[in-house]
C-alpha cells in the first residue's frame, strides 16, 4: 500500500511537471492525456516501456500506466519525456 501511494505521488508529480492532464486515481494505475496516444505508445515501446493505450474505450488521446517501484516510475517518466518530443 505504501509503495503504491508513494509511486502514485511520484507519477502524478512527473505528469504535472510535463503539463499532462491526468484522471485522479486511488488504484494502482494513472490515466493521462498525451494527444497522440498511439504515437506516444509506439515511442515508449521503442524505449522498452509498456503502457496501456485506451483508444478502445473511446479515449485515443489517453494512455494508462501501472504504478511501479520508484526506479520503474522514474524510468517511465524519463521515457515519457522523450516520447513526447516525437
PDB file of N, CA and C in Angstrom:
ATOM      1  N   UNK A   1       0.817  -1.180   0.000  1.00  0.00           N
ATOM      2  CA  UNK A   1       0.000   0.000   0.000  1.00  0.00           C
ATOM      3  C   UNK A   1       0.871   1.257   0.000  1.00  0.00           C
ATOM      4  N   UNK A   2       1.851   1.281   0.880  1.00  0.00           N
ATOM      5  CA  UNK A   2       2.732   2.462   0.955  1.00  0.00           C
ATOM      6  C   UNK A   2       3.536   2.644  -0.330  1.00  0.00           C
ATOM      7  N   UNK A   3       4.005   1.538  -0.898  1.00  0.00           N
ATOM      8  CA  UNK A   3       4.753   1.614  -2.158  1.00  0.00           C
ATOM      9  C   UNK A   3       3.875   2.198  -3.252  1.00  0.00           C
ATOM     10  N   UNK A   4       2.606   1.762  -3.304  1.00  0.00           N
ATOM     11  CA  UNK A   4       1.682   2.278  -4.313  1.00  0.00           C
ATOM     12  C   UNK A   4       1.391   3.760  -4.082  1.00  0.00           C
ATOM     13  N   UNK A   5       1.179   4.149  -2.826  1.00  0.00           N
ATOM     14  CA  UNK A   5       0.909   5.566  -2.532  1.00  0.00           C
ATOM     15  C   UNK A   5       2.080   6.452  -2.937  1.00  0.00           C
ATOM     16  N   UNK A   6       3.287   6.012  -2.588  1.00  0.00           N
ATOM     17  CA  UNK A   6       4.481   6.792  -2.939  1.00  0.00           C
ATOM     18  C   UNK A   6       4.661   6.826  -4.453  1.00  0.00           C
ATOM     19  N   UNK A   7       4.415   5.693  -5.111  1.00  0.00           N
ATOM     20  CA  UNK A   7       4.541   5.637  -6.565  1.00  0.00           C
ATOM     21  C   UNK A   7       3.526   6.507  -7.261  1.00  0.00           C
ATOM     22  N   UNK A   8       2.315   6.525  -6.738  1.00  0.00           N
ATOM     23  CA  UNK A   8       1.267   7.377  -7.310  1.00  0.00           C
ATOM     24  C   UNK A   8       1.689   8.847  -7.220  1.00  0.00           C
ATOM     25  N   UNK A   9       2.191   9.239  -6.072  1.00  0.00           N
ATOM     26  CA  UNK A   9       2.638  10.630  -5.898  1.00  0.00           C
ATOM     27  C   UNK A   9       3.773  10.946  -6.872  1.00  0.00           C
ATOM     28  N   UNK A  10       4.699  10.017  -7.042  1.00  0.00           N
ATOM     29  CA  UNK A  10       5.831  10.213  -7.949  1.00  0.00           C
ATOM     30  C   UNK A  10       5.343  10.378  -9.392  1.00  0.00           C
ATOM     31  N   UNK A  11       4.445   9.516  -9.826  1.00  0.00           N
ATOM     32  CA  UNK A  11       3.932   9.589 -11.200  1.00  0.00           C
ATOM     33  C   UNK A  11       3.139  10.875 -11.411  1.00  0.00           C
ATOM     34  N   UNK A  12       2.252  11.194 -10.491  1.00  0.00           N
ATOM     35  CA  UNK A  12       1.437  12.406 -10.636  1.00  0.00           C
ATOM     36  C   UNK A  12       2.321  13.648 -10.661  1.00  0.00           C
ATOM     37  N   UNK A  13       3.318  13.693  -9.808  1.00  0.00           N
ATOM     38  CA  UNK A  13       4.249  14.825  -9.815  1.00  0.00           C
ATOM     39  C   UNK A  13       4.950  14.936 -11.166  1.00  0.00           C
ATOM     40  N   UNK A  14       5.373  13.795 -11.701  1.00  0.00           N
ATOM     41  CA  UNK A  14       6.037  13.790 -13.008  1.00  0.00           C
ATOM     42  C   UNK A  14       5.110  14.218 -14.129  1.00  0.00           C
ATOM     43  N   UNK A  15       3.865  13.751 -14.098  1.00  0.00           N
ATOM     44  CA  UNK A  15       2.901  14.163 -15.120  1.00  0.00           C
ATOM     45  C   UNK A  15       2.624  15.658 -15.032  1.00  0.00           C
ATOM     46  N   UNK A  16       2.508  16.160 -13.811  1.00  0.00           N
ATOM     47  CA  UNK A  16       2.305  17.599 -13.630  1.00  0.00           C
ATOM     48  C   UNK A  16       3.491  18.387 -14.171  1.00  0.00           C
ATOM     49  N   UNK A  17       4.697  17.898 -13.931  1.00  0.00           N
ATOM     50  CA  UNK A  17       5.905  18.575 -14.433  1.00  0.00           C
ATOM     51  C   UNK A  17       5.929  18.611 -15.956  1.00  0.00           C
ATOM     52  N   UNK A  18       5.316  17.600 -16.581  1.00  0.00           N
ATOM     53  CA  UNK A  18       5.236  17.554 -18.038  1.00  0.00           C
ATOM     54  C   UNK A  18       3.977  18.250 -18.564  1.00  0.00           C
ATOM     55  N   UNK A  19       3.224  18.869 -17.654  1.00  0.00           N
ATOM     56  CA  UNK A  19       1.984  19.573 -18.004  1.00  0.00           C
ATOM     57  C   UNK A  19       0.970  18.667 -18.687  1.00  0.00           C
ATOM     58  N   UNK A  20       0.857  17.431 -18.191  1.00  0.00           N
ATOM     59  CA  UNK A  20      -0.088  16.482 -18.754  1.00  0.00           C
ATOM     60  C   UNK A  20      -1.293  16.324 -17.831  1.00  0.00           C
ATOM     61  N   UNK A  21      -2.459  16.394 -18.422  1.00  0.00           N
ATOM     62  CA  UNK A  21      -3.697  16.162 -17.680  1.00  0.00           C
ATOM     63  C   UNK A  21      -3.778  14.689 -17.288  1.00  0.00           C
ATOM     64  N   UNK A  22      -4.287  14.412 -16.108  1.00  0.00           N
ATOM     65  CA  UNK A  22      -4.487  13.026 -15.682  1.00  0.00           C
ATOM     66  C   UNK A  22      -5.803  12.914 -14.928  1.00  0.00           C
ATOM     67  N   UNK A  23      -6.308  11.696 -14.858  1.00  0.00           N
ATOM     68  CA  UNK A  23      -7.532  11.422 -14.132  1.00  0.00           C
ATOM     69  C   UNK A  23      -7.133  10.971 -12.727  1.00  0.00           C
ATOM     70  N   UNK A  24      -7.603  11.647 -11.695  1.00  0.00           N
ATOM     71  CA  UNK A  24      -7.264  11.232 -10.328  1.00  0.00           C
ATOM     72  C   UNK A  24      -7.618   9.761 -10.102  1.00  0.00           C
ATOM     73  N   UNK A  25      -6.754   9.053  -9.388  1.00  0.00           N
ATOM     74  CA  UNK A  25      -6.916   7.619  -9.189  1.00  0.00           C
ATOM     75  C   UNK A  25      -6.564   7.232  -7.767  1.00  0.00           C
ATOM     76  N   UNK A  26      -7.247   6.238  -7.258  1.00  0.00           N
ATOM     77  CA  UNK A  26      -6.893   5.657  -5.964  1.00  0.00           C
ATOM     78  C   UNK A  26      -6.497   4.190  -6.143  1.00  0.00           C
ATOM     79  N   UNK A  27      -6.345   3.764  -7.386  1.00  0.00           N
ATOM     80  CA  UNK A  27      -5.964   2.388  -7.692  1.00  0.00           C
ATOM     81  C   UNK A  27      -4.463   2.261  -7.855  1.00  0.00           C
ATOM     82  N   UNK A  28      -4.058   1.326  -8.694  1.00  0.00           N
ATOM     83  CA  UNK A  28      -2.639   1.107  -8.939  1.00  0.00           C
ATOM     84  C   UNK A  28      -2.226   1.548 -10.346  1.00  0.00           C
ATOM     85  N   UNK A  29      -2.985   2.468 -10.921  1.00  0.00           N
ATOM     86  CA  UNK A  29      -2.658   2.984 -12.248  1.00  0.00           C
ATOM     87  C   UNK A  29      -3.124   4.426 -12.353  1.00  0.00           C
ATOM     88  N   UNK A  30      -2.571   5.123 -13.362  1.00  0.00           N
ATOM     89  CA  UNK A  30      -2.958   6.507 -13.645  1.00  0.00           C
ATOM     90  C   UNK A  30      -3.226   6.609 -15.141  1.00  0.00           C
ATOM     91  N   UNK A  31      -4.318   7.280 -15.494  1.00  0.00           N
ATOM     92  CA  UNK A  31      -4.676   7.538 -16.881  1.00  0.00           C
ATOM     93  C   UNK A  31      -4.335   8.993 -17.182  1.00  0.00           C
ATOM     94  N   UNK A  32      -3.636   9.215 -18.299  1.00  0.00           N
ATOM     95  CA  UNK A  32      -3.153  10.558 -18.612  1.00  0.00           C
ATOM     96  C   UNK A  32      -3.267  10.839 -20.100  1.00  0.00           C
ATOM     97  N   UNK A  33      -3.444  12.114 -20.437  1.00  0.00           N
ATOM     98  CA  UNK A  33      -3.647  12.554 -21.828  1.00  0.00           C
ATOM     99  C   UNK A  33      -2.325  12.995 -22.449  1.00  0.00           C
ATOM    100  N   UNK A  34      -2.050  12.442 -23.623  1.00  0.00           N
ATOM    101  CA  UNK A  34      -0.810  12.797 -24.328  1.00  0.00           C
ATOM    102  C   UNK A  34      -1.050  13.377 -25.719  1.00  0.00           C
ATOM    103  N   UNK A  35      -2.289  13.404 -26.163  1.00  0.00           N
ATOM    104  CA  UNK A  35      -2.568  13.880 -27.522  1.00  0.00           C
ATOM    105  C   UNK A  35      -2.592  12.714 -28.488  1.00  0.00           C
ATOM    106  N   UNK A  36      -1.452  12.350 -29.023  1.00  0.00           N
ATOM    107  CA  UNK A  36      -1.331  11.231 -29.960  1.00  0.00           C
ATOM    108  C   UNK A  36      -1.022   9.955 -29.165  1.00  0.00           C
ATOM    109  N   UNK A  37      -2.064   9.337 -28.622  1.00  0.00           N
ATOM    110  CA  UNK A  37      -1.861   8.156 -27.784  1.00  0.00           C
ATOM    111  C   UNK A  37      -1.114   7.038 -28.490  1.00  0.00           C
ATOM    112  N   UNK A  38      -1.491   6.750 -29.741  1.00  0.00           N
ATOM    113  CA  UNK A  38      -0.847   5.665 -30.482  1.00  0.00           C
ATOM    114  C   UNK A  38       0.627   5.971 -30.743  1.00  0.00           C
ATOM    115  N   UNK A  39       0.915   7.202 -31.118  1.00  0.00           N
ATOM    116  CA  UNK A  39       2.300   7.583 -31.405  1.00  0.00           C
ATOM    117  C   UNK A  39       3.178   7.563 -30.170  1.00  0.00           C
ATOM    118  N   UNK A  40       2.676   8.109 -29.075  1.00  0.00           N
ATOM    119  CA  UNK A  40       3.458   8.120 -27.830  1.00  0.00           C
ATOM    120  C   UNK A  40       3.644   6.689 -27.335  1.00  0.00           C
ATOM    121  N   UNK A  41       2.600   5.872 -27.438  1.00  0.00           N
ATOM    122  CA  UNK A  41       2.733   4.473 -27.042  1.00  0.00           C
ATOM    123  C   UNK A  41       3.822   3.779 -27.853  1.00  0.00           C
ATOM    124  N   UNK A  42       3.828   3.989 -29.151  1.00  0.00           N
ATOM    125  CA  UNK A  42       4.831   3.380 -30.027  1.00  0.00           C
ATOM    126  C   UNK A  42       6.248   3.820 -29.639  1.00  0.00           C
ATOM    127  N   UNK A  43       6.410   5.114 -29.358  1.00  0.00           N
ATOM    128  CA  UNK A  43       7.740   5.612 -28.984  1.00  0.00           C
ATOM    129  C   UNK A  43       8.161   5.094 -27.606  1.00  0.00           C
ATOM    130  N   UNK A  44       7.206   4.901 -26.705  1.00  0.00           N
ATOM    131  CA  UNK A  44       7.531   4.296 -25.408  1.00  0.00           C
ATOM    132  C   UNK A  44       7.961   2.843 -25.600  1.00  0.00           C
ATOM    133  N   UNK A  45       7.236   2.107 -26.435  1.00  0.00           N
ATOM    134  CA  UNK A  45       7.601   0.708 -26.698  1.00  0.00           C
ATOM    135  C   UNK A  45       9.005   0.603 -27.281  1.00  0.00           C
ATOM    136  N   UNK A  46       9.363   1.535 -28.150  1.00  0.00           N
ATOM    137  CA  UNK A  46      10.703   1.537 -28.737  1.00  0.00           C
ATOM    138  C   UNK A  46      11.779   1.725 -27.669  1.00  0.00           C
ATOM    139  N   UNK A  47      11.394   2.315 -26.544  1.00  0.00           N
ATOM    140  CA  UNK A  47      12.327   2.513 -25.429  1.00  0.00           C
ATOM    141  C   UNK A  47      12.200   1.396 -24.389  1.00  0.00           C
ATOM    142  N   UNK A  48      11.370   0.402 -24.659  1.00  0.00           N
ATOM    143  CA  UNK A  48      11.199  -0.714 -23.749  1.00  0.00           C
ATOM    144  C   UNK A  48      10.238  -0.455 -22.599  1.00  0.00           C
ATOM    145  N   UNK A  49       9.389   0.561 -22.740  1.00  0.00           N
ATOM    146  CA  UNK A  49       8.433   0.909 -21.694  1.00  0.00           C
ATOM    147  C   UNK A  49       7.024   0.580 -22.190  1.00  0.00           C
ATOM    148  N   UNK A  50       6.296  -0.193 -21.399  1.00  0.00           N
ATOM    149  CA  UNK A  50       4.965  -0.646 -21.787  1.00  0.00           C
ATOM    150  C   UNK A  50       3.915   0.075 -20.958  1.00  0.00           C
ATOM    151  N   UNK A  51       2.981   0.715 -21.651  1.00  0.00           N
ATOM    152  CA  UNK A  51       1.801   1.324 -21.031  1.00  0.00           C
ATOM    153  C   UNK A  51       0.584   0.747 -21.755  1.00  0.00           C
ATOM    154  N   UNK A  52      -0.583   1.122 -21.315  1.00  0.00           N
ATOM    155  CA  UNK A  52      -1.790   0.608 -21.961  1.00  0.00           C
ATOM    156  C   UNK A  52      -2.506   1.718 -22.711  1.00  0.00           C
ATOM    157  N   UNK A  53      -2.599   1.587 -24.047  1.00  0.00           N
ATOM    158  CA  UNK A  53      -3.411   2.533 -24.811  1.00  0.00           C
ATOM    159  C   UNK A  53      -4.884   2.233 -24.515  1.00  0.00           C
ATOM    160  N   UNK A  54      -5.706   3.255 -24.459  1.00  0.00           N
ATOM    161  CA  UNK A  54      -7.116   3.027 -24.143  1.00  0.00           C
ATOM    162  C   UNK A  54      -8.043   3.611 -25.205  1.00  0.00           C
ATOM    163  N   UNK A  55      -7.573   3.611 -26.451  1.00  0.00           N
ATOM    164  CA  UNK A  55      -8.403   4.091 -27.565  1.00  0.00           C
ATOM    165  C   UNK A  55      -9.676   3.260 -27.685  1.00  0.00           C
ATOM    166  N   UNK A  56      -9.620   1.974 -27.327  1.00  0.00           N
ATOM    167  CA  UNK A  56     -10.805   1.114 -27.408  1.00  0.00           C
ATOM    168  C   UNK A  56     -11.913   1.574 -26.468  1.00  0.00           C
ATOM    169  N   UNK A  57     -11.587   2.395 -25.496  1.00  0.00           N
ATOM    170  CA  UNK A  57     -12.582   2.947 -24.582  1.00  0.00           C
ATOM    171  C   UNK A  57     -13.036   4.338 -25.036  1.00  0.00           C
ATOM    172  N   UNK A  58     -12.706   4.696 -26.264  1.00  0.00           N
ATOM    173  CA  UNK A  58     -13.103   5.995 -26.799  1.00  0.00           C
ATOM    174  C   UNK A  58     -12.201   7.127 -26.334  1.00  0.00           C
ATOM    175  N   UNK A  59     -10.985   6.782 -25.918  1.00  0.00           N
ATOM    176  CA  UNK A  59     -10.045   7.787 -25.397  1.00  0.00           C
ATOM    177  C   UNK A  59      -8.700   7.683 -26.142  1.00  0.00           C
ATOM    178  N   UNK A  60      -8.675   7.998 -27.446  1.00  0.00           N
ATOM    179  CA  UNK A  60      -7.451   7.813 -28.234  1.00  0.00           C
ATOM    180  C   UNK A  60      -6.287   8.713 -27.832  1.00  0.00           C
ATOM    181  N   UNK A  61      -6.569   9.784 -27.094  1.00  0.00           N
ATOM    182  CA  UNK A  61      -5.500  10.700 -26.683  1.00  0.00           C
ATOM    183  C   UNK A  61      -4.904  10.315 -25.336  1.00  0.00           C
ATOM    184  N   UNK A  62      -5.387   9.244 -24.731  1.00  0.00           N
ATOM    185  CA  UNK A  62      -5.013   8.885 -23.368  1.00  0.00           C
ATOM    186  C   UNK A  62      -4.263   7.565 -23.312  1.00  0.00           C
ATOM    187  N   UNK A  63      -3.400   7.430 -22.320  1.00  0.00           N
ATOM    188  CA  UNK A  63      -2.692   6.194 -22.008  1.00  0.00           C
ATOM    189  C   UNK A  63      -2.864   5.918 -20.522  1.00  0.00           C
ATOM    190  N   UNK A  64      -2.610   4.674 -20.145  1.00  0.00           N
ATOM    191  CA  UNK A  64      -2.708   4.302 -18.735  1.00  0.00           C
ATOM    192  C   UNK A  64      -1.414   3.600 -18.327  1.00  0.00           C
ATOM    193  N   UNK A  65      -0.876   3.971 -17.186  1.00  0.00           N
ATOM    194  CA  UNK A  65       0.355   3.357 -16.692  1.00  0.00           C
ATOM    195  C   UNK A  65       0.094   2.783 -15.307  1.00  0.00           C
ATOM    196  N   UNK A  66       0.649   1.618 -15.053  1.00  0.00           N
ATOM    197  CA  UNK A  66       0.560   0.988 -13.744  1.00  0.00           C
ATOM    198  C   UNK A  66       1.676   1.532 -12.866  1.00  0.00           C
ATOM    199  N   UNK A  67       1.362   1.773 -11.611  1.00  0.00           N
ATOM    200  CA  UNK A  67       2.356   2.242 -10.653  1.00  0.00           C
ATOM    201  C   UNK A  67       3.368   1.129 -10.408  1.00  0.00           C
ATOM    202  N   UNK A  68       4.641   1.488 -10.410  1.00  0.00           N
ATOM    203  CA  UNK A  68       5.698   0.517 -10.157  1.00  0.00           C
ATOM    204  C   UNK A  68       6.554   0.931  -8.976  1.00  0.00           C
ATOM    205  N   UNK A  69       7.767   0.410  -8.964  1.00  0.00           N
ATOM    206  CA  UNK A  69       8.721   0.804  -7.934  1.00  0.00           C
ATOM    207  C   UNK A  69       9.219   2.212  -8.234  1.00  0.00           C
ATOM    208  N   UNK A  70       9.927   2.791  -7.310  1.00  0.00           N
ATOM    209  CA  UNK A  70      10.471   4.136  -7.518  1.00  0.00           C
ATOM    210  C   UNK A  70      11.336   4.181  -8.775  1.00  0.00           C
ATOM    211  N   UNK A  71      12.187   3.177  -8.968  1.00  0.00           N
ATOM    212  CA  UNK A  71      13.067   3.140 -10.136  1.00  0.00           C
ATOM    213  C   UNK A  71      12.265   2.949 -11.424  1.00  0.00           C
ATOM    214  N   UNK A  72      11.259   2.081 -11.400  1.00  0.00           N
ATOM    215  CA  UNK A  72      10.434   1.864 -12.590  1.00  0.00           C
ATOM    216  C   UNK A  72       9.660   3.128 -12.959  1.00  0.00           C
ATOM    217  N   UNK A  73       9.129   3.805 -11.964  1.00  0.00           N
ATOM    218  CA  UNK A  73       8.397   5.045 -12.221  1.00  0.00           C
ATOM    219  C   UNK A  73       9.309   6.115 -12.808  1.00  0.00           C
ATOM    220  N   UNK A  74      10.508   6.217 -12.283  1.00  0.00           N
ATOM    221  CA  UNK A  74      11.479   7.196 -12.799  1.00  0.00           C
ATOM    222  C   UNK A  74      11.822   6.875 -14.250  1.00  0.00           C
ATOM    223  N   UNK A  75      12.020   5.607 -14.546  1.00  0.00           N
ATOM    224  CA  UNK A  75      12.336   5.180 -15.919  1.00  0.00           C
ATOM    225  C   UNK A  75      11.177   5.534 -16.852  1.00  0.00           C
ATOM    226  N   UNK A  76       9.951   5.264 -16.405  1.00  0.00           N
ATOM    227  CA  UNK A  76       8.772   5.603 -17.201  1.00  0.00           C
ATOM    228  C   UNK A  76       8.718   7.102 -17.494  1.00  0.00           C
ATOM    229  N   UNK A  77       8.906   7.916 -16.473  1.00  0.00           N
ATOM    230  CA  UNK A  77       8.815   9.369 -16.647  1.00  0.00           C
ATOM    231  C   UNK A  77       9.902   9.893 -17.577  1.00  0.00           C
ATOM    232  N   UNK A  78      11.099   9.336 -17.493  1.00  0.00           N
ATOM    233  CA  UNK A  78      12.176   9.731 -18.416  1.00  0.00           C
ATOM    234  C   UNK A  78      11.815   9.354 -19.852  1.00  0.00           C
ATOM    235  N   UNK A  79      11.319   8.138 -20.027  1.00  0.00           N
ATOM    236  CA  UNK A  79      10.950   7.672 -21.363  1.00  0.00           C
ATOM    237  C   UNK A  79       9.774   8.487 -21.910  1.00  0.00           C
ATOM    238  N   UNK A  80       8.825   8.804 -21.057  1.00  0.00           N
ATOM    239  CA  UNK A  80       7.674   9.600 -21.487  1.00  0.00           C
ATOM    240  C   UNK A  80       8.102  10.969 -21.966  1.00  0.00           C
ATOM    241  N   UNK A  81       9.002  11.603 -21.238  1.00  0.00           N
ATOM    242  CA  UNK A  81       9.505  12.917 -21.660  1.00  0.00           C
ATOM    243  C   UNK A  81      10.117  12.830 -23.051  1.00  0.00           C
ATOM    244  N   UNK A  82      10.863  11.768 -23.308  1.00  0.00           N
ATOM    245  CA  UNK A  82      11.479  11.573 -24.636  1.00  0.00           C
ATOM    246  C   UNK A  82      10.398  11.310 -25.691  1.00  0.00           C
ATOM    247  N   UNK A  83       9.437  10.459 -25.358  1.00  0.00           N
ATOM    248  CA  UNK A  83       8.391  10.076 -26.321  1.00  0.00           C
ATOM    249  C   UNK A  83       7.530  11.273 -26.711  1.00  0.00           C
ATOM    250  N   UNK A  84       7.336  12.191 -25.800  1.00  0.00           N
ATOM    251  CA  UNK A  84       6.523  13.371 -26.097  1.00  0.00           C
ATOM    252  C   UNK A  84       7.194  14.314 -27.084  1.00  0.00           C
ATOM    253  N   UNK A  85       8.500  14.221 -27.177  1.00  0.00           N
ATOM    254  CA  UNK A  85       9.246  15.077 -28.122  1.00  0.00           C
ATOM    255  C   UNK A  85       9.040  14.656 -29.547  1.00  0.00           C
ATOM    256  N   UNK A  86       8.552  13.425 -29.723  1.00  0.00           N
ATOM    257  CA  UNK A  86       8.282  12.942 -31.078  1.00  0.00           C
ATOM    258  C   UNK A  86       9.439  12.248 -31.633  1.00  0.00           C
TER     259      UNK A  86
END
